[in-house]
Each structure stands twice: as C-alpha cells, then as structure tokens.
C-alpha cells in the first residue's frame, strides 16, 4: 500500500493508507450511538478520524501509539478536513522498521550531529568563567543528557515539537543570545546568559516522555513541571562542583525559574536581572517564530488558518508581497498596452481597480478581522 501523506489529502478522496494514532477516545453522539474519535498523524501533520460502525470490534484492536492501516473517505466538517473510517487493522510490530517510522515521526530539518557540534564549539569558544565551564561540562559529559538533547522535542506540540527540536531550539537561542550579549555588552554577564540559555529547558527531559512513538507528559511533568524539575537538576550538578559561588548559583537558577516571564505563565518569579529578561524574550521569540514557520511551510497561501496558540491568523509576507508585486506588474503592462492601442484603461472604464482575490463581496475579510472575531483564550503550553 502506497503511503498517502496527511498534507496530500483532499476533500472527497478515498484514503487507504497507514497512520500513527496520536490519540484515541470512545465517545457517544447526540443520538446515543457510540463512536471512536482519533487523531491520526504522519511526519507532515495531523487529521481527525472517526469510526462510526463496528465500534466494539475496532475499539479492542488498537490503542494510541499504534500504526494502523485504514480504508476511509475524506470530508470537510466545520471547515476542517477529516476521515470517516470504514475498515481498519493494526500493523504488526514485525513489519515496522526505522525506515517506516521515519514517515510518521516528524524530525528537525537540520542535521543533528552538525547542530550538536556547533553548540559544543560555541560553548567552548565563548565561556570564560571557570565555574560555568565546569557546570556546562558536567552536562556535556553526561551521556543521558546528550542523548535526550539530540532526540527530544522542545515541547509536546506547541513549538519545535519533533525529534531534535530541543537541540534546534537551544542552538538557535544560543546564537541569538551571543549576538545580544555583544549588543548589550556593558550590562550583560555573557557567561550567565549563555549558560542560562543552555540549561533553561533541561527540565523538559524529565517533564516529557516518549511512549509508543508519542510525546506525553510524565507524572513528574504533570505534577511539578519543567521549571521546578530543571532547577533541581541544575542544583544537583552544582553540588558536585567544589567552591561553586553561591551568588552565581542564585543568578543561574533565577534565570531558569523566571524564563516564562510572568506568574500567570508558570514562572515562580518574574525576571529581575538583565540576563533573565533576555533569556525570557529570546525563548519567547524563538518559540513563536517556530510556530509561524510551521504554519507558513504547511501551505502556499498568504494567510494561514487560525492559530489557536497565537490567537490570530498569520500573514506570510513573502508570498503576500510577491503576489501583490505580480498584480502591480500585470496592471502596469495592461495599462501600457491599453495606452498603445488607444483603448481606455480597464480601471477607468470599470471604475474599480484590482481587488484581493480573497476579499468578500460585503467588504469584510475574516483574515483582516481576526482580533475582533476571536474569543479564544490560550492557557496551555507557551514555550
């Protein structure tokens, strides 16, 4: 069976393919009839799936984390593409190899070993404080830490939510931090900022776990969160370094526990040093830009679908500007040709100029009014 990617599924299409079950729930409709609701995925995205018939039979057959082979048909409900599944079978584990898994597990588009080498070189070339060097080496010599840094996502789903995402996010932040530490050189302790960036998400390694190919929150993650877990991990490493300055420990831990920026976003304290404030802004920026990039790369239209996480529609300015530039060029050519032929310009004749192809007849455009139309409140994972 040829693999049909989620990104290639169109409306009213027969879909026979293999998907990873991200989540599964047993529910009851308004009429009292039970059904199974699924989130199916591959490396290109997710799609909802529904099983309406033979519920008892299929419910015992598979679970979240399994690969399933389905026969289905796509349709659109409430402006969202979904699959109505008629037949299903669980894929035998003996048939699953690494090559097959790569179709379902999204991974960073950058080479992991190259990123790790760049990260290591940046630290060795940048850090000068002997205690911070010892602390970072404690982590870089920890095989378990290195393995998780290279393979774990930076978050369950919101940003950098893929294999190698934590390393990609950390390296990106380190490069930004290095630039800003030079820009604000007079006021910033570069070593504290760089070390804080490297370690700010170390608690994610205990907060998140990978079970059956799905990233989920661990018990400690649900009960304590990565900020508390990260502070504890760093504190234990510091205890192994003889003579580590108490003030330096306090400054590093402050950056970690305040990096979400506000109390309502999960930080026990708000940033009170320039290094902690920079860490917060760098983290927030890199997370949100990654969300934008994911949306932009998933489509070829100027406006994105509504983003619940960012609570707005997003405009891809490169596509938007390119389209408007082409429209301007076409208009200029048309005007020049009309002038040469002695005909009136189309705009003068019709009394109207070019309009955006997405503009509604009543002059309202959802994409331009998202702040007024949306009453979504996002309270989940931020960065």
Protein backbone atom coordinates (compact mmCIF):
# COMPACT_ATOMS: atom_id res chain seq x y z
CA UNK A 1 0.00 0.00 0.00
CA UNK A 2 1.41 3.37 -1.04
CA UNK A 3 1.66 5.86 1.83
CA UNK A 4 -0.68 8.85 1.44
CA UNK A 5 0.64 11.80 3.43
CA UNK A 6 -1.70 13.88 5.56
CA UNK A 7 -0.60 17.00 3.69
CA UNK A 8 -1.74 15.47 0.37
CA UNK A 9 -5.28 14.52 1.43
CA UNK A 10 -8.04 16.42 -0.39
CA UNK A 11 -11.81 16.61 0.10
CA UNK A 12 -13.93 13.65 -1.08
CA UNK A 13 -10.89 11.41 -1.51
CA UNK A 14 -10.69 7.69 -0.86
CA UNK A 15 -7.81 7.26 1.56
CA UNK A 16 -6.23 3.84 2.05
CA UNK A 17 -3.01 4.25 3.96
CA UNK A 18 -1.09 3.81 7.23
CA UNK A 19 -1.19 6.39 10.02
CA UNK A 20 0.10 6.78 13.56
CA UNK A 21 -2.64 7.02 16.19
CA UNK A 22 -1.76 10.13 18.24
CA UNK A 23 -4.86 9.86 20.43
CA UNK A 24 -7.99 7.74 20.73
CA UNK A 25 -11.23 8.30 22.62
CA UNK A 26 -14.51 6.44 22.93
CA UNK A 27 -17.48 8.81 22.79
CA UNK A 28 -21.25 8.92 22.42
CA UNK A 29 -23.11 11.06 19.90
CA UNK A 30 -26.25 13.14 20.47
CA UNK A 31 -28.42 10.20 19.41
CA UNK A 32 -26.76 7.94 21.96
CA UNK A 33 -24.81 6.00 19.36
CA UNK A 34 -21.14 5.39 20.29
CA UNK A 35 -18.22 6.26 18.03
CA UNK A 36 -14.41 6.35 18.18
CA UNK A 37 -12.59 9.64 17.69
CA UNK A 38 -8.95 9.55 16.58
CA UNK A 39 -6.12 11.93 15.89
CA UNK A 40 -4.08 10.40 13.08
CA UNK A 41 -0.70 11.68 12.02
CA UNK A 42 2.44 11.30 9.98
CA UNK A 43 5.51 13.50 9.58
CA UNK A 44 3.52 16.08 7.58
CA UNK A 45 0.72 16.75 10.07
CA UNK A 46 -2.44 15.53 11.80
CA UNK A 47 -6.01 14.77 10.72
CA UNK A 48 -9.12 13.77 12.65
CA UNK A 49 -10.58 10.33 12.10
CA UNK A 50 -13.96 8.87 13.08
CA UNK A 51 -15.15 5.28 13.29
CA UNK A 52 -18.95 5.09 13.22
CA UNK A 53 -19.57 1.36 12.76
CA UNK A 54 -18.26 -1.87 14.35
CA UNK A 55 -17.18 0.17 17.36
CA UNK A 56 -16.73 -2.71 19.81
CA UNK A 57 -14.70 -4.70 17.32
CA UNK A 58 -12.28 -1.90 16.49
CA UNK A 59 -12.01 -0.45 19.99
CA UNK A 60 -10.24 -3.59 21.26
CA UNK A 61 -7.98 -3.80 18.25
CA UNK A 62 -5.58 -0.89 18.74
CA UNK A 63 -4.55 1.96 21.02
CA UNK A 64 -2.76 5.31 20.93
CA UNK A 65 0.79 4.91 19.68
CA UNK A 66 -0.06 2.11 17.25
CA UNK A 67 0.33 2.23 13.50
CA UNK A 68 -2.93 1.35 11.77
CA UNK A 69 -3.86 0.63 8.17
CA UNK A 70 -7.22 2.17 7.26
CA UNK A 71 -9.75 2.44 4.48
CA UNK A 72 -11.60 5.74 4.65
CA UNK A 73 -13.05 8.71 2.81
CA UNK A 74 -12.21 12.34 3.47
CA UNK A 75 -14.80 15.04 4.00
CA UNK A 76 -14.99 18.54 5.40
CA UNK A 77 -16.95 19.32 8.55
CA UNK A 78 -16.96 22.81 10.05
CA UNK A 79 -14.22 23.86 7.62
CA UNK A 80 -11.92 21.06 8.79
CA UNK A 81 -10.78 18.02 6.83
CA UNK A 82 -11.47 14.65 8.47
CA UNK A 83 -11.62 10.95 7.68
CA UNK A 84 -14.60 8.62 8.01
CA UNK A 85 -13.04 5.19 8.58
CA UNK A 86 -14.81 2.09 7.26
CA UNK A 87 -12.11 -0.57 7.76
CA UNK A 88 -9.06 -0.79 10.00
CA UNK A 89 -6.28 -3.15 11.04
CA UNK A 90 -3.36 -2.75 13.39
CA UNK A 91 0.07 -3.01 11.80
CA UNK A 92 2.14 -5.96 13.02
CA UNK A 93 5.16 -4.80 15.01
CA UNK A 94 7.38 -7.15 13.00
CA UNK A 95 6.61 -5.09 9.89
CA UNK A 96 7.74 -1.81 11.46
CA UNK A 97 11.35 -0.75 10.90
CA UNK A 98 13.19 2.57 11.23
CA UNK A 99 12.57 3.49 7.59
CA UNK A 100 8.82 3.10 8.07
CA UNK A 101 8.82 5.02 11.37
CA UNK A 102 10.50 8.00 9.68
CA UNK A 103 7.29 8.53 7.70
CA UNK A 104 5.36 9.13 10.91
CA UNK A 105 7.76 10.83 13.31
CA UNK A 106 8.50 14.43 12.39
CA UNK A 107 12.13 15.39 12.79
CA UNK A 108 14.21 18.55 12.60
CA UNK A 109 15.20 19.50 9.06
CA UNK A 110 18.76 20.14 10.23
CA UNK A 111 21.50 17.56 10.77
CA UNK A 112 21.55 16.68 14.47
CA UNK A 113 25.28 15.92 14.74
CA UNK A 114 26.16 19.16 12.95
CA UNK A 115 23.95 21.14 15.33
CA UNK A 116 25.45 19.47 18.39
CA UNK A 117 28.97 20.13 17.14
CA UNK A 118 28.09 23.80 16.58
CA UNK A 119 26.61 24.02 20.07
CA UNK A 120 29.70 22.45 21.67
CA UNK A 121 32.05 24.73 19.74
CA UNK A 122 30.03 27.82 20.63
CA UNK A 123 30.26 27.00 24.32
CA UNK A 124 33.99 26.22 24.26
CA UNK A 125 34.78 29.40 22.30
CA UNK A 126 32.51 31.70 24.32
CA UNK A 127 32.57 30.77 28.01
CA UNK A 128 35.31 32.17 30.24
CA UNK A 129 34.01 31.74 33.82
CA UNK A 130 35.71 28.67 35.31
CA UNK A 131 32.67 27.59 37.34
CA UNK A 132 30.24 27.91 34.45
CA UNK A 133 32.64 25.98 32.23
CA UNK A 134 32.73 23.19 34.84
CA UNK A 135 28.93 23.21 35.08
CA UNK A 136 28.35 23.01 31.32
CA UNK A 137 30.95 20.26 31.04
CA UNK A 138 29.06 18.28 33.71
CA UNK A 139 26.10 18.23 31.31
CA UNK A 140 28.06 17.73 28.09
CA UNK A 141 29.83 14.72 29.62
CA UNK A 142 26.51 13.19 30.70
CA UNK A 143 25.56 10.60 28.07
CA UNK A 144 21.92 10.53 29.10
CA UNK A 145 21.68 14.32 28.81
CA UNK A 146 23.32 14.31 25.37
CA UNK A 147 21.05 11.56 24.07
CA UNK A 148 17.93 13.41 25.20
CA UNK A 149 19.19 16.78 23.95
CA UNK A 150 19.67 15.30 20.48
CA UNK A 151 16.41 13.40 20.25
CA UNK A 152 13.75 15.11 22.34
CA UNK A 153 11.27 17.77 21.20
CA UNK A 154 11.36 21.17 22.87
CA UNK A 155 7.64 20.89 23.68
CA UNK A 156 4.84 18.38 23.29
CA UNK A 157 3.28 20.18 20.34
CA UNK A 158 3.39 23.98 20.52
CA UNK A 159 6.88 24.67 19.13
CA UNK A 160 9.84 22.58 17.98
CA UNK A 161 7.62 19.56 18.69
CA UNK A 162 9.68 16.98 16.83
CA UNK A 163 12.78 14.79 17.08
CA UNK A 164 15.80 17.06 17.61
CA UNK A 165 13.56 20.03 18.40
CA UNK A 166 15.12 20.68 21.81
CA UNK A 167 18.62 20.85 20.31
CA UNK A 168 17.44 23.05 17.43
CA UNK A 169 15.66 25.43 19.82
CA UNK A 170 18.62 25.59 22.22
CA UNK A 171 21.18 26.24 19.48
CA UNK A 172 19.00 28.92 17.89
CA UNK A 173 18.64 30.65 21.25
CA UNK A 174 22.39 30.42 21.92
CA UNK A 175 23.17 32.18 18.64
CA UNK A 176 20.65 34.93 19.41
CA UNK A 177 21.97 35.21 22.97
CA UNK A 178 25.54 35.53 21.76
CA UNK A 179 24.54 38.40 19.46
CA UNK A 180 22.56 40.19 22.18
CA UNK A 181 25.30 39.74 24.79
CA UNK A 182 27.63 41.65 22.46
CA UNK A 183 24.98 44.28 21.71
CA UNK A 184 24.38 44.90 25.43
CA UNK A 185 27.94 44.04 26.40
CA UNK A 186 28.22 46.80 29.01
CA UNK A 187 25.26 45.44 31.03
CA UNK A 188 25.26 41.69 30.44
CA UNK A 189 27.25 38.88 32.01
CA UNK A 190 27.69 36.83 28.85
CA UNK A 191 28.58 33.58 30.63
CA UNK A 192 25.47 33.68 32.82
CA UNK A 193 23.22 34.40 29.82
CA UNK A 194 24.74 31.62 27.68
CA UNK A 195 24.65 29.05 30.50
CA UNK A 196 21.06 30.02 31.34
CA UNK A 197 20.02 29.53 27.72
CA UNK A 198 21.73 26.14 27.51
CA UNK A 199 20.04 24.88 30.69
CA UNK A 200 16.69 26.69 30.77
CA UNK A 201 14.77 23.70 29.34
CA UNK A 202 16.79 20.88 30.91
CA UNK A 203 13.69 20.01 32.96
CA UNK A 204 11.90 19.08 29.71
CA UNK A 205 13.98 15.90 29.75
CA UNK A 206 12.02 14.73 32.80
CA UNK A 207 8.77 16.55 32.06
CA UNK A 208 8.27 14.81 28.71
CA UNK A 209 8.45 11.13 27.90
CA UNK A 210 8.20 9.19 24.67
CA UNK A 211 5.82 6.28 24.91
CA UNK A 212 4.83 4.24 21.88
CA UNK A 213 6.11 6.91 19.48
CA UNK A 214 4.05 9.66 21.18
CA UNK A 215 5.39 12.51 23.30
CA UNK A 216 3.42 12.73 26.55
CA UNK A 217 3.84 14.36 29.95
CA UNK A 218 5.39 12.19 32.64
CA UNK A 219 3.89 12.02 36.13
CA UNK A 220 6.61 14.37 37.39
CA UNK A 221 5.94 16.64 34.44
CA UNK A 222 2.24 16.86 35.26
CA UNK A 223 2.83 17.37 38.99
CA UNK A 224 5.96 19.54 39.05
CA UNK A 225 6.60 20.97 35.58
CA UNK A 226 9.87 21.51 33.76
CA UNK A 227 10.80 24.72 35.60
CA UNK A 228 10.92 23.04 39.01
CA UNK A 229 12.46 19.87 37.57
CA UNK A 230 15.11 21.87 35.73
CA UNK A 231 16.10 23.87 38.80
CA UNK A 232 16.54 20.63 40.75
CA UNK A 233 18.68 19.05 38.01
CA UNK A 234 20.96 22.09 37.81
CA UNK A 235 21.23 22.33 41.59
CA UNK A 236 22.42 18.71 41.80
CA UNK A 237 25.14 19.34 39.21
CA UNK A 238 26.25 22.50 41.03
CA UNK A 239 26.58 20.49 44.28
CA UNK A 240 29.20 18.34 42.51
CA UNK A 241 31.44 21.38 41.86
CA UNK A 242 33.62 22.35 44.79
CA UNK A 243 33.58 26.05 45.67
CA UNK A 244 30.79 27.00 43.27
CA UNK A 245 29.88 30.61 44.19
CA UNK A 246 26.55 30.96 45.97
CA UNK A 247 25.68 34.20 44.13
CA UNK A 248 26.38 32.58 40.76
CA UNK A 249 24.13 29.65 41.67
CA UNK A 250 21.33 32.08 42.60
CA UNK A 251 21.67 34.05 39.35
CA UNK A 252 21.60 30.91 37.18
CA UNK A 253 18.63 29.40 38.98
CA UNK A 254 16.77 32.72 38.85
CA UNK A 255 17.08 32.73 35.06
CA UNK A 256 15.69 29.19 34.84
CA UNK A 257 12.74 29.69 37.18
CA UNK A 258 11.75 33.05 35.64
CA UNK A 259 12.14 32.24 31.94
CA UNK A 260 8.38 32.12 31.25
CA UNK A 261 8.32 35.78 32.17
CA UNK A 262 5.09 36.13 34.14
CA UNK A 263 3.48 34.40 37.11
CA UNK A 264 0.38 33.50 35.09
CA UNK A 265 2.58 31.74 32.52
CA UNK A 266 4.07 29.41 35.14
CA UNK A 267 7.15 31.25 36.36
CA UNK A 268 7.50 31.25 40.17
CA UNK A 269 9.29 34.59 39.80
CA UNK A 270 9.42 37.26 37.11
CA UNK A 271 12.82 38.16 35.57
CA UNK A 272 14.76 40.57 37.78
CA UNK A 273 18.17 40.56 36.08
CA UNK A 274 19.08 41.64 32.57
CA UNK A 275 20.26 38.09 31.77
CA UNK A 276 16.95 36.59 32.94
CA UNK A 277 14.95 39.16 30.99
CA UNK A 278 16.93 38.49 27.81
CA UNK A 279 16.51 34.73 28.33
CA UNK A 280 12.74 35.16 28.56
CA UNK A 281 12.47 37.30 25.43
CA UNK A 282 14.81 35.07 23.40
CA UNK A 283 12.90 31.94 24.42
CA UNK A 284 9.52 33.50 23.68
CA UNK A 285 10.65 34.88 20.33
CA UNK A 286 12.24 31.67 19.10
CA UNK A 287 9.19 29.62 20.13
CA UNK A 288 6.71 31.92 18.38
CA UNK A 289 8.80 32.27 15.23
CA UNK A 290 8.97 28.46 15.03
CA UNK A 291 5.17 28.31 15.25
CA UNK A 292 4.93 30.82 12.42
CA UNK A 293 7.42 28.90 10.27
CA UNK A 294 5.49 25.65 10.77
CA UNK A 295 2.28 27.34 9.64
CA UNK A 296 3.97 29.07 6.70
CA UNK A 297 5.63 25.89 5.44
CA UNK A 298 2.38 23.90 5.63
CA UNK A 299 0.68 25.94 2.88
CA UNK A 300 1.23 28.10 -0.18
CA UNK A 301 -1.30 30.85 0.56
CA UNK A 302 -0.64 34.28 2.13
CA UNK A 303 -3.00 33.84 5.10
CA UNK A 304 -2.66 30.91 7.49
CA UNK A 305 -5.54 29.07 9.12
CA UNK A 306 -6.46 30.45 12.54
CA UNK A 307 -3.73 29.66 15.08
CA UNK A 308 -5.19 28.81 18.47
CA UNK A 309 -1.79 29.06 20.15
CA UNK A 310 -1.09 32.55 18.81
CA UNK A 311 -4.79 33.55 18.83
CA UNK A 312 -4.71 35.08 15.35
CA UNK A 313 -4.40 34.49 11.63
CA UNK A 314 -0.87 34.94 10.27
CA UNK A 315 0.23 36.54 7.02
CA UNK A 316 3.19 35.16 5.08
CA UNK A 317 4.62 38.50 3.96
CA UNK A 318 6.91 36.94 1.34
CA UNK A 319 4.02 35.29 -0.51
CA UNK A 320 1.76 38.32 0.03
CA UNK A 321 4.33 40.79 -1.29
CA UNK A 322 5.22 38.55 -4.24
CA UNK A 323 1.56 38.24 -5.26
CA UNK A 324 0.93 41.97 -4.94
CA UNK A 325 4.10 42.69 -6.92
CA UNK A 326 2.90 40.44 -9.74
CA UNK A 327 -0.52 42.12 -9.69
CA UNK A 328 1.15 45.54 -9.94
CA UNK A 329 3.30 44.39 -12.84
CA UNK A 330 0.28 42.93 -14.65
CA UNK A 331 -1.65 46.13 -14.08
CA UNK A 332 1.25 48.23 -15.42
CA UNK A 333 1.54 46.04 -18.54
CA UNK A 334 -2.22 46.18 -19.10
CA UNK A 335 -2.22 49.94 -18.77
CA UNK A 336 0.70 50.26 -21.18
CA UNK A 337 -0.99 48.02 -23.77
CA UNK A 338 -4.28 49.94 -23.48
CA UNK A 339 -2.43 53.19 -23.96
CA UNK A 340 -0.65 51.88 -27.06
CA UNK A 341 -3.88 50.60 -28.61
CA UNK A 342 -5.78 53.77 -27.79
CA UNK A 343 -8.24 51.97 -25.53
CA UNK A 344 -9.31 53.30 -22.13
CA UNK A 345 -7.65 51.82 -19.13
CA UNK A 346 -9.60 48.97 -17.56
CA UNK A 347 -9.61 50.72 -14.19
CA UNK A 348 -11.06 53.94 -15.65
CA UNK A 349 -13.64 52.04 -17.70
CA UNK A 350 -14.92 49.90 -14.85
CA UNK A 351 -14.48 52.46 -12.10
CA UNK A 352 -12.61 49.98 -9.94
CA UNK A 353 -9.11 48.74 -9.52
CA UNK A 354 -7.72 45.32 -8.74
CA UNK A 355 -9.14 43.67 -5.64
CA UNK A 356 -7.67 40.99 -3.50
CA UNK A 357 -8.96 37.62 -4.68
CA UNK A 358 -9.82 36.67 -1.12
CA UNK A 359 -11.90 39.83 -0.43
CA UNK A 360 -15.55 39.11 0.39
CA UNK A 361 -18.33 40.84 -1.53
CA UNK A 362 -19.53 42.68 1.57
CA UNK A 363 -16.04 44.07 2.13
CA UNK A 364 -15.36 42.01 5.24
CA UNK A 365 -12.39 39.72 5.33
CA UNK A 366 -12.00 37.21 8.13
CA UNK A 367 -8.23 37.31 7.84
CA UNK A 368 -8.18 41.03 8.49
CA UNK A 369 -10.56 40.94 11.44
CA UNK A 370 -9.28 38.05 13.48
CA UNK A 371 -8.73 40.11 16.63
CA UNK A 372 -12.40 41.10 16.66
CA UNK A 373 -13.80 37.71 15.70
CA UNK A 374 -11.77 35.53 18.02
CA UNK A 375 -12.71 34.85 21.61
CA UNK A 376 -10.23 32.01 22.02
CA UNK A 377 -8.20 32.04 25.21
CA UNK A 378 -4.98 30.02 25.18
CA UNK A 379 -3.94 28.68 28.55
CA UNK A 380 -1.70 25.77 27.56
CA UNK A 381 1.98 25.37 26.87
CA UNK A 382 3.62 28.60 25.79
CA UNK A 383 7.31 27.99 25.18
